Amino acid sequence: VQLVESGGGLVQSGGSLRLSCAGSGFPFSHFRMSWVRQAPGKERELVATISSTDGHTTYVDSVKGRFTISRDNAKNTAYLQMSSLKPEDTATYFCNAVPSAGYYGGPYWGKGTQVTVSS
C-alpha cells in the first residue's frame, strides 16, 4: 500500500498550487480521501475530505472558498487545488485514506509534501 503526495513547493502569498496524492495497493475508489496539514509546532489539522461514493466534500473553515478537493478514481489519485494562498497555509500536507463501509484496511497515510507560502 502506498500514498504518494506531490505538488508542494514555495509560492508567494496569493499564489496557487495543486497537490496530488497517488494511491496504490488498495481499492482506492472505496476509500474516503482527505488532506491533513501540520505546521511546525502545531497539531495536525483536517483540511478537506471527499467521500468515496457521491463525491461529497467538506472543508475546514479557514480554507473554504480557496481550496478544492477532488478525485479521479480511474487514476487512483486525489487532488487539492489551493488558491489565494496565505502564509498561514504553510505546512506539510498529508494525504489520508479511510475505508468506506463494508471495506477494510487502513487508515493509510502518505509521507507528506511541504507547502511554503511567503509573504
C-alpha atoms as a PDB file:
ATOM      1  CA  VAL A   1       0.000   0.000   0.000  1.00  0.00           C
ATOM      2  CA  GLN A   2       1.252   3.438  -0.920  1.00  0.00           C
ATOM      3  CA  LEU A   3       0.054   7.008  -0.859  1.00  0.00           C
ATOM      4  CA  VAL A   4       2.443   9.395  -2.559  1.00  0.00           C
ATOM      5  CA  GLU A   5       1.920  13.141  -2.398  1.00  0.00           C
ATOM      6  CA  SER A   6       3.405  15.596  -4.858  1.00  0.00           C
ATOM      7  CA  GLY A   7       2.996  19.183  -5.984  1.00  0.00           C
ATOM      8  CA  GLY A   8       4.212  21.065  -2.948  1.00  0.00           C
ATOM      9  CA  GLY A   9       6.691  23.900  -3.126  1.00  0.00           C
ATOM     10  CA  LEU A  10       7.394  27.540  -2.420  1.00  0.00           C
ATOM     11  CA  VAL A  11       4.840  30.092  -3.574  1.00  0.00           C
ATOM     12  CA  GLN A  12       4.143  33.741  -2.898  1.00  0.00           C
ATOM     13  CA  SER A  13       1.115  34.871  -0.960  1.00  0.00           C
ATOM     14  CA  GLY A  14      -1.892  34.925  -3.273  1.00  0.00           C
ATOM     15  CA  GLY A  15      -0.490  32.181  -5.468  1.00  0.00           C
ATOM     16  CA  SER A  16      -1.774  28.722  -6.274  1.00  0.00           C
ATOM     17  CA  LEU A  17      -0.628  25.127  -6.052  1.00  0.00           C
ATOM     18  CA  ARG A  18      -2.190  21.783  -6.888  1.00  0.00           C
ATOM     19  CA  LEU A  19      -1.313  18.831  -4.716  1.00  0.00           C
ATOM     20  CA  SER A  20      -1.714  15.259  -5.931  1.00  0.00           C
ATOM     21  CA  CYS A  21      -1.996  12.026  -3.972  1.00  0.00           C
ATOM     22  CA  ALA A  22      -1.473   8.798  -5.891  1.00  0.00           C
ATOM     23  CA  GLY A  23      -2.713   5.640  -4.210  1.00  0.00           C
ATOM     24  CA  SER A  24      -1.800   2.031  -4.915  1.00  0.00           C
ATOM     25  CA  GLY A  25      -2.241  -1.377  -3.339  1.00  0.00           C
ATOM     26  CA  PHE A  26      -5.789  -0.843  -2.084  1.00  0.00           C
ATOM     27  CA  PRO A  27      -9.257  -0.280  -3.626  1.00  0.00           C
ATOM     28  CA  PHE A  28      -8.890   3.493  -3.967  1.00  0.00           C
ATOM     29  CA  SER A  29     -12.432   4.151  -5.188  1.00  0.00           C
ATOM     30  CA  HIS A  30     -13.867   2.688  -1.984  1.00  0.00           C
ATOM     31  CA  PHE A  31     -11.847   4.874   0.358  1.00  0.00           C
ATOM     32  CA  ARG A  32     -12.671   8.316   1.662  1.00  0.00           C
ATOM     33  CA  MET A  33      -9.756  10.632   0.901  1.00  0.00           C
ATOM     34  CA  SER A  34      -8.606  13.544   2.991  1.00  0.00           C
ATOM     35  CA  TRP A  35      -5.881  16.149   3.128  1.00  0.00           C
ATOM     36  CA  VAL A  36      -4.418  16.910   6.542  1.00  0.00           C
ATOM     37  CA  ARG A  37      -1.765  19.521   7.252  1.00  0.00           C
ATOM     38  CA  GLN A  38       0.672  20.120  10.057  1.00  0.00           C
ATOM     39  CA  ALA A  39       2.555  23.335  10.634  1.00  0.00           C
ATOM     40  CA  PRO A  40       5.690  23.452  12.800  1.00  0.00           C
ATOM     41  CA  GLY A  41       4.779  23.345  16.466  1.00  0.00           C
ATOM     42  CA  LYS A  42       1.103  22.785  15.763  1.00  0.00           C
ATOM     43  CA  GLU A  43      -1.210  19.793  15.752  1.00  0.00           C
ATOM     44  CA  ARG A  44      -2.413  18.137  12.577  1.00  0.00           C
ATOM     45  CA  GLU A  45      -5.441  19.815  11.045  1.00  0.00           C
ATOM     46  CA  LEU A  46      -8.010  18.171   8.778  1.00  0.00           C
ATOM     47  CA  VAL A  47      -8.196  20.440   5.731  1.00  0.00           C
ATOM     48  CA  ALA A  48     -10.587  18.715   3.317  1.00  0.00           C
ATOM     49  CA  THR A  49     -12.351  15.405   2.753  1.00  0.00           C
ATOM     50  CA  ILE A  50     -14.052  13.799  -0.244  1.00  0.00           C
ATOM     51  CA  SER A  51     -16.280  10.769   0.051  1.00  0.00           C
ATOM     52  CA  SER A  52     -15.850   7.611  -1.982  1.00  0.00           C
ATOM     53  CA  THR A  53     -19.477   7.372  -3.052  1.00  0.00           C
ATOM     54  CA  ASP A  54     -21.139  10.627  -4.002  1.00  0.00           C
ATOM     55  CA  GLY A  55     -18.112  12.892  -4.010  1.00  0.00           C
ATOM     56  CA  HIS A  56     -19.377  14.888  -1.068  1.00  0.00           C
ATOM     57  CA  THR A  57     -16.736  17.327   0.165  1.00  0.00           C
ATOM     58  CA  THR A  58     -16.070  19.097   3.445  1.00  0.00           C
ATOM     59  CA  TYR A  59     -13.545  21.782   4.346  1.00  0.00           C
ATOM     60  CA  VAL A  60     -12.145  23.442   7.411  1.00  0.00           C
ATOM     61  CA  ASP A  61     -13.500  26.978   7.640  1.00  0.00           C
ATOM     62  CA  SER A  62     -10.109  28.605   7.060  1.00  0.00           C
ATOM     63  CA  VAL A  63      -9.819  27.207   3.518  1.00  0.00           C
ATOM     64  CA  LYS A  64     -13.430  27.398   2.311  1.00  0.00           C
ATOM     65  CA  GLY A  65     -13.657  29.226  -0.971  1.00  0.00           C
ATOM     66  CA  ARG A  66      -9.902  28.895  -1.575  1.00  0.00           C
ATOM     67  CA  PHE A  67      -9.221  25.143  -1.664  1.00  0.00           C
ATOM     68  CA  THR A  68     -10.949  22.437  -3.695  1.00  0.00           C
ATOM     69  CA  ILE A  69     -10.565  18.710  -3.112  1.00  0.00           C
ATOM     70  CA  SER A  70     -11.301  16.299  -5.944  1.00  0.00           C
ATOM     71  CA  ARG A  71     -10.554  12.744  -7.016  1.00  0.00           C
ATOM     72  CA  ASP A  72     -10.098  10.716 -10.165  1.00  0.00           C
ATOM     73  CA  ASN A  73     -10.825   7.101  -9.318  1.00  0.00           C
ATOM     74  CA  ALA A  74      -9.690   5.939 -12.755  1.00  0.00           C
ATOM     75  CA  LYS A  75      -6.239   7.293 -11.913  1.00  0.00           C
ATOM     76  CA  ASN A  76      -6.345   6.367  -8.214  1.00  0.00           C
ATOM     77  CA  THR A  77      -5.482   9.971  -7.448  1.00  0.00           C
ATOM     78  CA  ALA A  78      -6.835  12.670  -5.186  1.00  0.00           C
ATOM     79  CA  TYR A  79      -6.106  16.358  -5.612  1.00  0.00           C
ATOM     80  CA  LEU A  80      -6.109  19.535  -3.588  1.00  0.00           C
ATOM     81  CA  GLN A  81      -6.295  22.726  -5.624  1.00  0.00           C
ATOM     82  CA  MET A  82      -5.139  25.594  -3.441  1.00  0.00           C
ATOM     83  CA  SER A  83      -5.675  29.209  -4.461  1.00  0.00           C
ATOM     84  CA  SER A  84      -5.260  32.581  -2.779  1.00  0.00           C
ATOM     85  CA  LEU A  85      -2.629  31.022  -0.578  1.00  0.00           C
ATOM     86  CA  LYS A  86      -1.692  32.737   2.668  1.00  0.00           C
ATOM     87  CA  PRO A  87       1.438  32.434   4.827  1.00  0.00           C
ATOM     88  CA  GLU A  88      -0.664  30.637   7.433  1.00  0.00           C
ATOM     89  CA  ASP A  89      -1.235  27.838   4.899  1.00  0.00           C
ATOM     90  CA  THR A  90       2.449  26.931   5.252  1.00  0.00           C
ATOM     91  CA  ALA A  91       2.619  23.327   6.447  1.00  0.00           C
ATOM     92  CA  THR A  92       3.372  19.783   5.474  1.00  0.00           C
ATOM     93  CA  TYR A  93       0.322  18.383   3.692  1.00  0.00           C
ATOM     94  CA  PHE A  94      -0.502  14.714   4.132  1.00  0.00           C
ATOM     95  CA  CYS A  95      -2.879  12.507   2.208  1.00  0.00           C
ATOM     96  CA  ASN A  96      -5.086  10.117   4.175  1.00  0.00           C
ATOM     97  CA  ALA A  97      -7.289   7.213   3.064  1.00  0.00           C
ATOM     98  CA  VAL A  98     -10.040   5.659   5.197  1.00  0.00           C
ATOM     99  CA  PRO A  99     -12.192   2.715   4.045  1.00  0.00           C
ATOM    100  CA  SER A 100     -15.875   3.209   3.355  1.00  0.00           C
ATOM    101  CA  ALA A 101     -18.487   0.993   4.968  1.00  0.00           C
ATOM    102  CA  GLY A 102     -18.024  -2.627   4.016  1.00  0.00           C
ATOM    103  CA  TYR A 103     -14.370  -2.256   3.178  1.00  0.00           C
ATOM    104  CA  TYR A 104     -11.350  -2.818   5.334  1.00  0.00           C
ATOM    105  CA  GLY A 105      -7.760  -1.738   5.730  1.00  0.00           C
ATOM    106  CA  GLY A 106      -6.024   1.454   6.671  1.00  0.00           C
ATOM    107  CA  PRO A 107      -6.185   4.182   7.542  1.00  0.00           C
ATOM    108  CA  TYR A 108      -3.316   4.883   5.222  1.00  0.00           C
ATOM    109  CA  TRP A 109      -1.045   7.916   5.225  1.00  0.00           C
ATOM    110  CA  GLY A 110       1.395   9.411   2.780  1.00  0.00           C
ATOM    111  CA  LYS A 111       4.736  10.895   3.815  1.00  0.00           C
ATOM    112  CA  GLY A 112       3.656  14.427   3.065  1.00  0.00           C
ATOM    113  CA  THR A 113       4.608  17.290   0.779  1.00  0.00           C
ATOM    114  CA  GLN A 114       5.818  20.660   2.005  1.00  0.00           C
ATOM    115  CA  VAL A 115       3.949  23.835   1.118  1.00  0.00           C
ATOM    116  CA  THR A 116       5.603  27.141   1.966  1.00  0.00           C
ATOM    117  CA  VAL A 117       3.828  30.438   1.339  1.00  0.00           C
ATOM    118  CA  SER A 118       5.972  33.551   1.524  1.00  0.00           C
ATOM    119  CA  SER A 119       4.531  36.932   2.451  1.00  0.00           C
END
